[in-house]
Amino acid sequence: MVKKRMHTWYCSLVMALLVMISGCSASSGDMAGEAGDAKWITHEGQAESADTAIERSSAIREEEAAEAEAGSMDGDPERKIIREQYLHLDVQDLDQTLERVEKLVNRISGAYIESVEQWEVETPHRQAEYHAHVILRLPVGQAVSLLQEIETYGNVLRRSVHGQDVTVEYVDNESRLRNLTKHEERLLSLYDQAETIEDMLKLEKELSRIREQIETIQGRQQYLDRVTSTVRVTLDIRQVEEKEYLGAQDNKSVWHEAWAGLKQSVHNIGRLAQRGFVLLVTLIPYLIIVAVLGLPGYMLTTRLYRKRKTRGD
């Protein structure tokens, strides 16, 4: 009886041990499986992988971009306009005019000269024409008054104004920049939670792509800020004679034009005399060569002629 009870107790103990061992094994297996499939990001209580987290962050960014775009259309943003103006001037003294333009630009804060190009053209009448091509940047608020002053430097032959509205592009870029910055912040937060090298590499790649987009948009915005805060002015300047310069002015009398024509005629005579003198000086070497080679021949010819004349007599 005692042996039977001991046998029963022993069997019960063995079975209890087996149950405990199997339970521990199952628990260990479940924990191992969970450890193998563990995700380090949670969203609303559900595990996520790095790829899923990136996709979700991108989706959020797109939704925010759409909302921001809809909101920007409702407001009244500051206008961003790229302005350009062109002037063609005839002047009497090109160097003096360029000096006046330089002084004008230097005294205005925010104005500067982008480029200056000068050249000379020879006309069919062998008279030189002097030209200059100047590009200026003038502040928007002072451009009108400065251009009015530049127009007084000579006769305006041509004037044109162009404008390009880039407000929509600027507002869209601002919206994209805000959303990309938020997206970058979310990715940085995910990066701090990453536990595996693979997840860190994926996030670094995405962060690099987002940072490149941010820097590209920032560069474009800086360019738009710069070109919309100034007016690009192109000046084509030509130096002309006083007669032509005065003839283009309606408020000049006939006597002024006649006096200018007289001075121009005297000037042309002087230029003609100058060119004749230059031509004479240029021919001196050739005249010397002709004299050196021709004089012995002339003397020989004269002697022979005299001998023949003597014999004839």
C-alpha atoms as a PDB file:
ATOM      1  CA  MET A   1       0.000   0.000   0.000  1.00  0.00           C
ATOM      2  CA  VAL A   2       2.802   2.298   0.997  1.00  0.00           C
ATOM      3  CA  LYS A   3       4.755   1.332  -2.110  1.00  0.00           C
ATOM      4  CA  LYS A   4       1.702   2.040  -4.272  1.00  0.00           C
ATOM      5  CA  ARG A   5       1.290   5.508  -2.779  1.00  0.00           C
ATOM      6  CA  MET A   6       4.993   6.295  -3.249  1.00  0.00           C
ATOM      7  CA  HIS A   7       4.796   5.153  -6.845  1.00  0.00           C
ATOM      8  CA  THR A   8       1.784   7.380  -7.459  1.00  0.00           C
ATOM      9  CA  TRP A   9       3.511  10.385  -5.815  1.00  0.00           C
ATOM     10  CA  TYR A  10       6.657   9.777  -7.855  1.00  0.00           C
ATOM     11  CA  CYS A  11       4.698   9.641 -11.113  1.00  0.00           C
ATOM     12  CA  SER A  12       2.882  12.853 -10.231  1.00  0.00           C
ATOM     13  CA  LEU A  13       6.200  14.587  -9.466  1.00  0.00           C
ATOM     14  CA  VAL A  14       7.722  13.432 -12.757  1.00  0.00           C
ATOM     15  CA  MET A  15       4.691  14.611 -14.711  1.00  0.00           C
ATOM     16  CA  ALA A  16       4.783  17.998 -12.963  1.00  0.00           C
ATOM     17  CA  LEU A  17       8.448  18.383 -13.834  1.00  0.00           C
ATOM     18  CA  LEU A  18       7.754  17.479 -17.461  1.00  0.00           C
ATOM     19  CA  VAL A  19       4.952  20.049 -17.645  1.00  0.00           C
ATOM     20  CA  MET A  20       7.198  22.734 -16.167  1.00  0.00           C
ATOM     21  CA  ILE A  21      10.030  21.911 -18.572  1.00  0.00           C
ATOM     22  CA  SER A  22       7.755  21.972 -21.610  1.00  0.00           C
ATOM     23  CA  GLY A  23       6.235  25.260 -20.467  1.00  0.00           C
ATOM     24  CA  CYS A  24       9.666  26.833 -20.055  1.00  0.00           C
ATOM     25  CA  SER A  25      10.718  25.573 -23.481  1.00  0.00           C
ATOM     26  CA  ALA A  26       7.614  27.050 -25.117  1.00  0.00           C
ATOM     27  CA  SER A  27       8.132  30.329 -23.323  1.00  0.00           C
ATOM     28  CA  SER A  28      11.779  30.431 -24.402  1.00  0.00           C
ATOM     29  CA  GLY A  29      10.786  29.656 -27.988  1.00  0.00           C
ATOM     30  CA  ASP A  30       8.207  32.425 -28.003  1.00  0.00           C
ATOM     31  CA  MET A  31      10.704  34.877 -26.559  1.00  0.00           C
ATOM     32  CA  ALA A  32      13.304  33.850 -29.114  1.00  0.00           C
ATOM     33  CA  GLY A  33      10.780  34.295 -31.911  1.00  0.00           C
ATOM     34  CA  GLU A  34       9.805  37.698 -30.585  1.00  0.00           C
ATOM     35  CA  ALA A  35      13.457  38.652 -30.250  1.00  0.00           C
ATOM     36  CA  GLY A  36      14.133  37.582 -33.816  1.00  0.00           C
ATOM     37  CA  ASP A  37      11.165  39.593 -35.153  1.00  0.00           C
ATOM     38  CA  ALA A  38      11.491  42.507 -32.727  1.00  0.00           C
ATOM     39  CA  LYS A  39      10.796  45.942 -34.160  1.00  0.00           C
ATOM     40  CA  TRP A  40      12.290  49.010 -32.535  1.00  0.00           C
ATOM     41  CA  ILE A  41       9.598  51.490 -33.647  1.00  0.00           C
ATOM     42  CA  THR A  42       6.014  51.415 -32.464  1.00  0.00           C
ATOM     43  CA  HIS A  43       3.070  53.278 -33.915  1.00  0.00           C
ATOM     44  CA  GLU A  44      -0.223  53.108 -32.010  1.00  0.00           C
ATOM     45  CA  GLY A  45       0.987  50.008 -30.176  1.00  0.00           C
ATOM     46  CA  GLN A  46       2.070  48.131 -33.345  1.00  0.00           C
ATOM     47  CA  ALA A  47       5.658  47.240 -34.228  1.00  0.00           C
ATOM     48  CA  GLU A  48       7.238  48.809 -37.334  1.00  0.00           C
ATOM     49  CA  SER A  49      10.395  48.219 -39.355  1.00  0.00           C
ATOM     50  CA  ALA A  50      12.714  50.978 -40.568  1.00  0.00           C
ATOM     51  CA  ASP A  51      11.272  50.828 -44.101  1.00  0.00           C
ATOM     52  CA  THR A  52       7.710  51.080 -42.801  1.00  0.00           C
ATOM     53  CA  ALA A  53       8.600  53.996 -40.546  1.00  0.00           C
ATOM     54  CA  ILE A  54      10.235  55.860 -43.433  1.00  0.00           C
ATOM     55  CA  GLU A  55       7.233  55.263 -45.690  1.00  0.00           C
ATOM     56  CA  ARG A  56       4.852  56.448 -42.982  1.00  0.00           C
ATOM     57  CA  SER A  57       6.941  59.593 -42.382  1.00  0.00           C
ATOM     58  CA  SER A  58       6.974  60.311 -46.125  1.00  0.00           C
ATOM     59  CA  ALA A  59       3.208  59.869 -46.294  1.00  0.00           C
ATOM     60  CA  ILE A  60       2.766  62.312 -43.429  1.00  0.00           C
ATOM     61  CA  ARG A  61       5.048  64.785 -45.204  1.00  0.00           C
ATOM     62  CA  GLU A  62       2.975  64.558 -48.397  1.00  0.00           C
ATOM     63  CA  GLU A  63      -0.246  65.138 -46.460  1.00  0.00           C
ATOM     64  CA  GLU A  64       1.264  68.154 -44.703  1.00  0.00           C
ATOM     65  CA  ALA A  65       2.529  69.492 -48.037  1.00  0.00           C
ATOM     66  CA  ALA A  66      -0.953  69.245 -49.545  1.00  0.00           C
ATOM     67  CA  GLU A  67      -2.485  71.011 -46.550  1.00  0.00           C
ATOM     68  CA  ALA A  68       0.193  73.721 -46.612  1.00  0.00           C
ATOM     69  CA  GLU A  69      -0.319  74.282 -50.336  1.00  0.00           C
ATOM     70  CA  ALA A  70      -4.048  74.637 -49.867  1.00  0.00           C
ATOM     71  CA  GLY A  71      -3.474  77.075 -47.011  1.00  0.00           C
ATOM     72  CA  SER A  72      -0.974  79.148 -48.987  1.00  0.00           C
ATOM     73  CA  MET A  73      -3.465  79.671 -51.799  1.00  0.00           C
ATOM     74  CA  ASP A  74      -5.932  81.203 -49.350  1.00  0.00           C
ATOM     75  CA  GLY A  75      -3.498  83.882 -48.113  1.00  0.00           C
ATOM     76  CA  ASP A  76      -2.056  86.931 -49.868  1.00  0.00           C
ATOM     77  CA  PRO A  77       1.730  86.394 -49.977  1.00  0.00           C
ATOM     78  CA  GLU A  78       4.254  89.088 -50.783  1.00  0.00           C
ATOM     79  CA  ARG A  79       4.795  89.396 -54.509  1.00  0.00           C
ATOM     80  CA  LYS A  80       8.150  88.180 -55.815  1.00  0.00           C
ATOM     81  CA  ILE A  81       8.967  89.672 -59.228  1.00  0.00           C
ATOM     82  CA  ILE A  82      12.177  89.489 -61.243  1.00  0.00           C
ATOM     83  CA  ARG A  83      12.528  92.908 -62.888  1.00  0.00           C
ATOM     84  CA  GLU A  84      14.727  93.841 -65.856  1.00  0.00           C
ATOM     85  CA  GLN A  85      15.112  97.149 -67.713  1.00  0.00           C
ATOM     86  CA  TYR A  86      17.031  98.109 -70.834  1.00  0.00           C
ATOM     87  CA  LEU A  87      18.277 101.537 -71.969  1.00  0.00           C
ATOM     88  CA  HIS A  88      20.087 102.529 -75.168  1.00  0.00           C
ATOM     89  CA  LEU A  89      21.834 105.898 -74.814  1.00  0.00           C
ATOM     90  CA  ASP A  90      23.754 108.154 -77.159  1.00  0.00           C
ATOM     91  CA  VAL A  91      26.282 110.372 -75.350  1.00  0.00           C
ATOM     92  CA  GLN A  92      28.977 112.865 -76.303  1.00  0.00           C
ATOM     93  CA  ASP A  93      31.675 111.572 -73.943  1.00  0.00           C
ATOM     94  CA  LEU A  94      31.618 107.851 -73.184  1.00  0.00           C
ATOM     95  CA  ASP A  95      34.349 107.862 -70.519  1.00  0.00           C
ATOM     96  CA  GLN A  96      32.705 110.706 -68.640  1.00  0.00           C
ATOM     97  CA  THR A  97      29.326 108.946 -68.755  1.00  0.00           C
ATOM     98  CA  LEU A  98      30.777 105.695 -67.388  1.00  0.00           C
ATOM     99  CA  GLU A  99      32.430 107.641 -64.592  1.00  0.00           C
ATOM    100  CA  ARG A 100      29.117 109.287 -63.679  1.00  0.00           C
ATOM    101  CA  VAL A 101      27.332 105.915 -63.656  1.00  0.00           C
ATOM    102  CA  GLU A 102      30.004 104.451 -61.381  1.00  0.00           C
ATOM    103  CA  LYS A 103      29.733 107.351 -58.929  1.00  0.00           C
ATOM    104  CA  LEU A 104      25.946 107.061 -58.914  1.00  0.00           C
ATOM    105  CA  VAL A 105      26.040 103.341 -58.119  1.00  0.00           C
ATOM    106  CA  ASN A 106      28.717 103.699 -55.429  1.00  0.00           C
ATOM    107  CA  ARG A 107      26.671 106.181 -53.413  1.00  0.00           C
ATOM    108  CA  ILE A 108      23.599 103.901 -53.235  1.00  0.00           C
ATOM    109  CA  SER A 109      23.545 101.075 -50.683  1.00  0.00           C
ATOM    110  CA  GLY A 110      22.662  97.756 -52.301  1.00  0.00           C
ATOM    111  CA  ALA A 111      23.498  98.902 -55.846  1.00  0.00           C
ATOM    112  CA  TYR A 112      26.457  97.461 -57.727  1.00  0.00           C
ATOM    113  CA  ILE A 113      27.922  97.011 -61.223  1.00  0.00           C
ATOM    114  CA  GLU A 114      27.841  93.446 -62.519  1.00  0.00           C
ATOM    115  CA  SER A 115      29.926  93.991 -65.650  1.00  0.00           C
ATOM    116  CA  VAL A 116      31.321  96.643 -68.002  1.00  0.00           C
ATOM    117  CA  GLU A 117      32.450  96.015 -71.579  1.00  0.00           C
ATOM    118  CA  GLN A 118      33.942  98.639 -73.922  1.00  0.00           C
ATOM    119  CA  TRP A 119      34.934  98.391 -77.589  1.00  0.00           C
ATOM    120  CA  GLU A 120      35.687 100.498 -80.656  1.00  0.00           C
ATOM    121  CA  VAL A 121      34.105 100.224 -84.098  1.00  0.00           C
ATOM    122  CA  GLU A 122      35.483 101.868 -87.256  1.00  0.00           C
ATOM    123  CA  THR A 123      32.797 103.342 -89.515  1.00  0.00           C
ATOM    124  CA  PRO A 124      32.895 103.382 -93.362  1.00  0.00           C
ATOM    125  CA  HIS A 125      34.100 107.001 -93.167  1.00  0.00           C
ATOM    126  CA  ARG A 126      37.143 105.790 -91.198  1.00  0.00           C
ATOM    127  CA  GLN A 127      35.847 107.387 -88.019  1.00  0.00           C
ATOM    128  CA  ALA A 128      35.939 105.505 -84.745  1.00  0.00           C
ATOM    129  CA  GLU A 129      32.761 104.851 -82.740  1.00  0.00           C
ATOM    130  CA  TYR A 130      33.064 104.005 -79.067  1.00  0.00           C
ATOM    131  CA  HIS A 131      30.582 101.694 -77.385  1.00  0.00           C
ATOM    132  CA  ALA A 132      29.992 100.298 -73.870  1.00  0.00           C
ATOM    133  CA  HIS A 133      27.746  97.564 -72.471  1.00  0.00           C
ATOM    134  CA  VAL A 134      27.016  97.939 -68.742  1.00  0.00           C
ATOM    135  CA  ILE A 135      24.917  95.740 -66.418  1.00  0.00           C
ATOM    136  CA  LEU A 136      23.779  97.221 -63.100  1.00  0.00           C
ATOM    137  CA  ARG A 137      21.878  95.971 -60.070  1.00  0.00           C
ATOM    138  CA  LEU A 138      19.729  98.641 -58.410  1.00  0.00           C
ATOM    139  CA  PRO A 139      17.540  98.299 -55.285  1.00  0.00           C
ATOM    140  CA  VAL A 140      13.853  98.001 -56.167  1.00  0.00           C
ATOM    141  CA  GLY A 141      12.807 100.947 -54.019  1.00  0.00           C
ATOM    142  CA  GLN A 142      15.305 103.347 -55.644  1.00  0.00           C
ATOM    143  CA  ALA A 143      15.452 101.979 -59.184  1.00  0.00           C
ATOM    144  CA  VAL A 144      12.957 104.454 -60.677  1.00  0.00           C
ATOM    145  CA  SER A 145      14.742 107.594 -59.451  1.00  0.00           C
ATOM    146  CA  LEU A 146      18.169 106.222 -60.379  1.00  0.00           C
ATOM    147  CA  LEU A 147      17.046 105.318 -63.895  1.00  0.00           C
ATOM    148  CA  GLN A 148      15.556 108.773 -64.353  1.00  0.00           C
ATOM    149  CA  GLU A 149      18.927 110.278 -63.456  1.00  0.00           C
ATOM    150  CA  ILE A 150      20.787 107.921 -65.830  1.00  0.00           C
ATOM    151  CA  GLU A 151      18.459 108.943 -68.672  1.00  0.00           C
ATOM    152  CA  THR A 152      19.646 112.541 -68.288  1.00  0.00           C
ATOM    153  CA  TYR A 153      23.199 111.475 -69.208  1.00  0.00           C
ATOM    154  CA  GLY A 154      22.342 111.229 -72.922  1.00  0.00           C
ATOM    155  CA  ASN A 155      19.688 110.742 -75.573  1.00  0.00           C
ATOM    156  CA  VAL A 156      17.473 107.712 -74.900  1.00  0.00           C
ATOM    157  CA  LEU A 157      17.017 105.825 -78.178  1.00  0.00           C
ATOM    158  CA  ARG A 158      15.316 102.749 -76.759  1.00  0.00           C
ATOM    159  CA  ARG A 159      13.740 101.747 -73.463  1.00  0.00           C
ATOM    160  CA  SER A 160      12.165  98.427 -72.426  1.00  0.00           C
ATOM    161  CA  VAL A 161      10.872  96.849 -69.211  1.00  0.00           C
ATOM    162  CA  HIS A 162      10.393  93.152 -68.441  1.00  0.00           C
ATOM    163  CA  GLY A 163       9.034  91.339 -65.386  1.00  0.00           C
ATOM    164  CA  GLN A 164       8.612  87.714 -64.284  1.00  0.00           C
ATOM    165  CA  ASP A 165       6.339  86.822 -61.356  1.00  0.00           C
ATOM    166  CA  VAL A 166       7.873  83.996 -59.287  1.00  0.00           C
ATOM    167  CA  THR A 167       5.580  84.316 -56.255  1.00  0.00           C
ATOM    168  CA  VAL A 168       3.948  80.906 -56.748  1.00  0.00           C
ATOM    169  CA  GLU A 169       7.322  79.186 -57.025  1.00  0.00           C
ATOM    170  CA  TYR A 170       8.623  80.997 -53.932  1.00  0.00           C
ATOM    171  CA  VAL A 171       5.583  80.092 -51.800  1.00  0.00           C
ATOM    172  CA  ASP A 172       5.681  76.448 -52.962  1.00  0.00           C
ATOM    173  CA  ASN A 173       9.366  76.249 -52.103  1.00  0.00           C
ATOM    174  CA  GLU A 174       8.728  77.640 -48.624  1.00  0.00           C
ATOM    175  CA  SER A 175       6.033  75.025 -48.045  1.00  0.00           C
ATOM    176  CA  ARG A 176       8.247  72.199 -49.312  1.00  0.00           C
ATOM    177  CA  LEU A 177      11.100  73.451 -47.132  1.00  0.00           C
ATOM    178  CA  ARG A 178       8.983  73.374 -43.975  1.00  0.00           C
ATOM    179  CA  ASN A 179       7.692  69.879 -44.689  1.00  0.00           C
ATOM    180  CA  LEU A 180      11.123  68.520 -45.538  1.00  0.00           C
ATOM    181  CA  THR A 181      12.505  69.992 -42.313  1.00  0.00           C
ATOM    182  CA  LYS A 182       9.773  68.263 -40.273  1.00  0.00           C
ATOM    183  CA  HIS A 183      10.416  65.038 -42.163  1.00  0.00           C
ATOM    184  CA  GLU A 184      14.114  65.315 -41.362  1.00  0.00           C
ATOM    185  CA  GLU A 185      13.367  65.851 -37.665  1.00  0.00           C
ATOM    186  CA  ARG A 186      11.165  62.724 -37.607  1.00  0.00           C
ATOM    187  CA  LEU A 187      13.890  60.685 -39.283  1.00  0.00           C
ATOM    188  CA  LEU A 188      16.456  61.922 -36.772  1.00  0.00           C
ATOM    189  CA  SER A 189      14.134  60.816 -33.968  1.00  0.00           C
ATOM    190  CA  LEU A 190      13.827  57.385 -35.583  1.00  0.00           C
ATOM    191  CA  TYR A 191      17.595  57.237 -36.017  1.00  0.00           C
ATOM    192  CA  ASP A 192      18.069  57.752 -32.260  1.00  0.00           C
ATOM    193  CA  GLN A 193      15.837  54.713 -31.647  1.00  0.00           C
ATOM    194  CA  ALA A 194      17.567  52.440 -34.170  1.00  0.00           C
ATOM    195  CA  GLU A 195      19.113  49.290 -32.695  1.00  0.00           C
ATOM    196  CA  THR A 196      20.571  47.561 -35.741  1.00  0.00           C
ATOM    197  CA  ILE A 197      23.220  48.611 -38.243  1.00  0.00           C
ATOM    198  CA  GLU A 198      20.877  47.858 -41.146  1.00  0.00           C
ATOM    199  CA  ASP A 199      18.198  50.224 -39.842  1.00  0.00           C
ATOM    200  CA  MET A 200      20.781  52.941 -39.172  1.00  0.00           C
ATOM    201  CA  LEU A 201      22.136  52.691 -42.736  1.00  0.00           C
ATOM    202  CA  LYS A 202      18.641  52.921 -44.213  1.00  0.00           C
ATOM    203  CA  LEU A 203      17.863  56.007 -42.166  1.00  0.00           C
ATOM    204  CA  GLU A 204      21.199  57.628 -42.997  1.00  0.00           C
ATOM    205  CA  LYS A 205      20.520  57.158 -46.710  1.00  0.00           C
ATOM    206  CA  GLU A 206      17.076  58.723 -46.395  1.00  0.00           C
ATOM    207  CA  LEU A 207      18.449  61.579 -44.263  1.00  0.00           C
ATOM    208  CA  SER A 208      21.111  62.294 -46.886  1.00  0.00           C
ATOM    209  CA  ARG A 209      18.485  62.445 -49.633  1.00  0.00           C
ATOM    210  CA  ILE A 210      16.259  64.793 -47.619  1.00  0.00           C
ATOM    211  CA  ARG A 211      19.192  67.051 -46.683  1.00  0.00           C
ATOM    212  CA  GLU A 212      20.169  67.357 -50.365  1.00  0.00           C
ATOM    213  CA  GLN A 213      16.627  68.431 -51.262  1.00  0.00           C
ATOM    214  CA  ILE A 214      16.590  70.978 -48.411  1.00  0.00           C
ATOM    215  CA  GLU A 215      19.893  72.535 -49.489  1.00  0.00           C
ATOM    216  CA  THR A 216      18.760  72.705 -53.137  1.00  0.00           C
ATOM    217  CA  ILE A 217      15.555  74.529 -52.217  1.00  0.00           C
ATOM    218  CA  GLN A 218      17.402  76.843 -49.829  1.00  0.00           C
ATOM    219  CA  GLY A 219      19.829  77.790 -52.614  1.00  0.00           C
ATOM    220  CA  ARG A 220      16.951  78.517 -54.983  1.00  0.00           C
ATOM    221  CA  GLN A 221      15.193  80.654 -52.359  1.00  0.00           C
ATOM    222  CA  GLN A 222      18.343  82.658 -51.705  1.00  0.00           C
ATOM    223  CA  TYR A 223      18.700  83.285 -55.444  1.00  0.00           C
ATOM    224  CA  LEU A 224      15.071  84.422 -55.740  1.00  0.00           C
ATOM    225  CA  ASP A 225      15.463  86.728 -52.728  1.00  0.00           C
ATOM    226  CA  ARG A 226      18.529  88.303 -54.326  1.00  0.00           C
ATOM    227  CA  VAL A 227      17.141  88.848 -57.826  1.00  0.00           C
ATOM    228  CA  THR A 228      13.713  90.065 -56.668  1.00  0.00           C
ATOM    229  CA  SER A 229      15.172  92.637 -54.281  1.00  0.00           C
ATOM    230  CA  THR A 230      17.028  94.400 -57.129  1.00  0.00           C
ATOM    231  CA  VAL A 231      16.364  95.510 -60.711  1.00  0.00           C
ATOM    232  CA  ARG A 232      18.742  94.312 -63.409  1.00  0.00           C
ATOM    233  CA  VAL A 233      19.500  97.267 -65.672  1.00  0.00           C
ATOM    234  CA  THR A 234      21.303  96.843 -69.005  1.00  0.00           C
ATOM    235  CA  LEU A 235      22.841  99.938 -70.585  1.00  0.00           C
ATOM    236  CA  ASP A 236      24.024 100.103 -74.194  1.00  0.00           C
ATOM    237  CA  ILE A 237      25.939 103.381 -74.563  1.00  0.00           C
ATOM    238  CA  ARG A 238      27.334 104.845 -77.791  1.00  0.00           C
ATOM    239  CA  GLN A 239      29.490 107.926 -78.180  1.00  0.00           C
ATOM    240  CA  VAL A 240      28.399 110.143 -81.100  1.00  0.00           C
ATOM    241  CA  GLU A 241      29.499 113.455 -82.551  1.00  0.00           C
ATOM    242  CA  GLU A 242      28.032 116.665 -81.184  1.00  0.00           C
ATOM    243  CA  LYS A 243      26.040 117.373 -84.363  1.00  0.00           C
ATOM    244  CA  GLU A 244      24.301 113.990 -84.249  1.00  0.00           C
ATOM    245  CA  TYR A 245      23.808 114.280 -80.496  1.00  0.00           C
ATOM    246  CA  LEU A 246      22.156 117.703 -80.714  1.00  0.00           C
ATOM    247  CA  GLY A 247      20.139 116.720 -83.787  1.00  0.00           C
ATOM    248  CA  ALA A 248      18.370 114.048 -81.766  1.00  0.00           C
ATOM    249  CA  GLN A 249      17.186 116.590 -79.196  1.00  0.00           C
ATOM    250  CA  ASP A 250      13.907 118.334 -79.954  1.00  0.00           C
ATOM    251  CA  ASN A 251      14.557 121.286 -77.662  1.00  0.00           C
ATOM    252  CA  LYS A 252      17.722 122.445 -79.427  1.00  0.00           C
ATOM    253  CA  SER A 253      17.507 125.426 -81.818  1.00  0.00           C
ATOM    254  CA  VAL A 254      18.722 125.578 -85.419  1.00  0.00           C
ATOM    255  CA  TRP A 255      21.627 127.791 -84.367  1.00  0.00           C
ATOM    256  CA  HIS A 256      22.873 125.132 -81.978  1.00  0.00           C
ATOM    257  CA  GLU A 257      22.768 122.544 -84.741  1.00  0.00           C
ATOM    258  CA  ALA A 258      24.472 124.909 -87.189  1.00  0.00           C
ATOM    259  CA  TRP A 259      27.215 125.705 -84.704  1.00  0.00           C
ATOM    260  CA  ALA A 260      27.658 122.018 -84.009  1.00  0.00           C
ATOM    261  CA  GLY A 261      27.860 121.334 -87.761  1.00  0.00           C
ATOM    262  CA  LEU A 262      30.518 124.019 -88.208  1.00  0.00           C
ATOM    263  CA  LYS A 263      32.597 122.605 -85.407  1.00  0.00           C
ATOM    264  CA  GLN A 264      32.179 119.143 -86.873  1.00  0.00           C
ATOM    265  CA  SER A 265      33.408 120.375 -90.285  1.00  0.00           C
ATOM    266  CA  VAL A 266      36.479 122.002 -88.737  1.00  0.00           C
ATOM    267  CA  HIS A 267      37.087 118.860 -86.795  1.00  0.00           C
ATOM    268  CA  ASN A 268      36.854 116.747 -89.953  1.00  0.00           C
ATOM    269  CA  ILE A 269      39.312 119.039 -91.781  1.00  0.00           C
ATOM    270  CA  GLY A 270      41.712 118.699 -88.895  1.00  0.00           C
ATOM    271  CA  ARG A 271      41.350 114.918 -88.950  1.00  0.00           C
ATOM    272  CA  LEU A 272      41.961 114.910 -92.724  1.00  0.00           C
ATOM    273  CA  ALA A 273      45.123 116.989 -92.319  1.00  0.00           C
ATOM    274  CA  GLN A 274      46.233 114.711 -89.524  1.00  0.00           C
ATOM    275  CA  ARG A 275      45.715 111.625 -91.661  1.00  0.00           C
ATOM    276  CA  GLY A 276      47.585 113.266 -94.571  1.00  0.00           C
ATOM    277  CA  PHE A 277      50.541 114.009 -92.333  1.00  0.00           C
ATOM    278  CA  VAL A 278      50.499 110.449 -91.008  1.00  0.00           C
ATOM    279  CA  LEU A 279      50.436 109.166 -94.600  1.00  0.00           C
ATOM    280  CA  LEU A 280      53.395 111.356 -95.556  1.00  0.00           C
ATOM    281  CA  VAL A 281      55.452 110.184 -92.608  1.00  0.00           C
ATOM    282  CA  THR A 282      54.539 106.601 -93.414  1.00  0.00           C
ATOM    283  CA  LEU A 283      55.788 106.998 -97.034  1.00  0.00           C
ATOM    284  CA  ILE A 284      59.196 108.472 -96.089  1.00  0.00           C
ATOM    285  CA  PRO A 285      61.015 105.076 -95.993  1.00  0.00           C
ATOM    286  CA  TYR A 286      59.642 104.197 -99.433  1.00  0.00           C
ATOM    287  CA  LEU A 287      60.649 107.622-100.813  1.00  0.00           C
ATOM    288  CA  ILE A 288      64.188 107.132 -99.505  1.00  0.00           C
ATOM    289  CA  ILE A 289      64.423 103.731-101.208  1.00  0.00           C
ATOM    290  CA  VAL A 290      63.141 105.179-104.491  1.00  0.00           C
ATOM    291  CA  ALA A 291      65.618 108.041-104.233  1.00  0.00           C
ATOM    292  CA  VAL A 292      68.574 105.755-103.498  1.00  0.00           C
ATOM    293  CA  LEU A 293      67.740 103.399-106.353  1.00  0.00           C
ATOM    294  CA  GLY A 294      66.557 106.011-108.827  1.00  0.00           C
ATOM    295  CA  LEU A 295      69.236 108.682-108.416  1.00  0.00           C
ATOM    296  CA  PRO A 296      72.126 106.682-110.011  1.00  0.00           C
ATOM    297  CA  GLY A 297      69.879 105.731-112.926  1.00  0.00           C
ATOM    298  CA  TYR A 298      68.827 109.336-113.379  1.00  0.00           C
ATOM    299  CA  MET A 299      72.424 110.546-113.329  1.00  0.00           C
ATOM    300  CA  LEU A 300      73.517 107.846-115.816  1.00  0.00           C
ATOM    301  CA  THR A 301      70.639 108.643-118.137  1.00  0.00           C
ATOM    302  CA  THR A 302      71.467 112.378-118.010  1.00  0.00           C
ATOM    303  CA  ARG A 303      75.155 111.747-118.839  1.00  0.00           C
ATOM    304  CA  LEU A 304      74.347 109.542-121.798  1.00  0.00           C
ATOM    305  CA  TYR A 305      71.912 112.103-123.092  1.00  0.00           C
ATOM    306  CA  ARG A 306      74.535 114.846-122.888  1.00  0.00           C
ATOM    307  CA  LYS A 307      77.135 112.709-124.732  1.00  0.00           C
ATOM    308  CA  ARG A 308      74.715 111.986-127.546  1.00  0.00           C
ATOM    309  CA  LYS A 309      73.834 115.621-127.794  1.00  0.00           C
ATOM    310  CA  THR A 310      77.522 116.581-127.952  1.00  0.00           C
ATOM    311  CA  ARG A 311      78.236 114.091-130.744  1.00  0.00           C
ATOM    312  CA  GLY A 312      75.270 115.307-132.655  1.00  0.00           C
ATOM    313  CA  ASP A 313      76.551 118.861-132.533  1.00  0.00           C
END
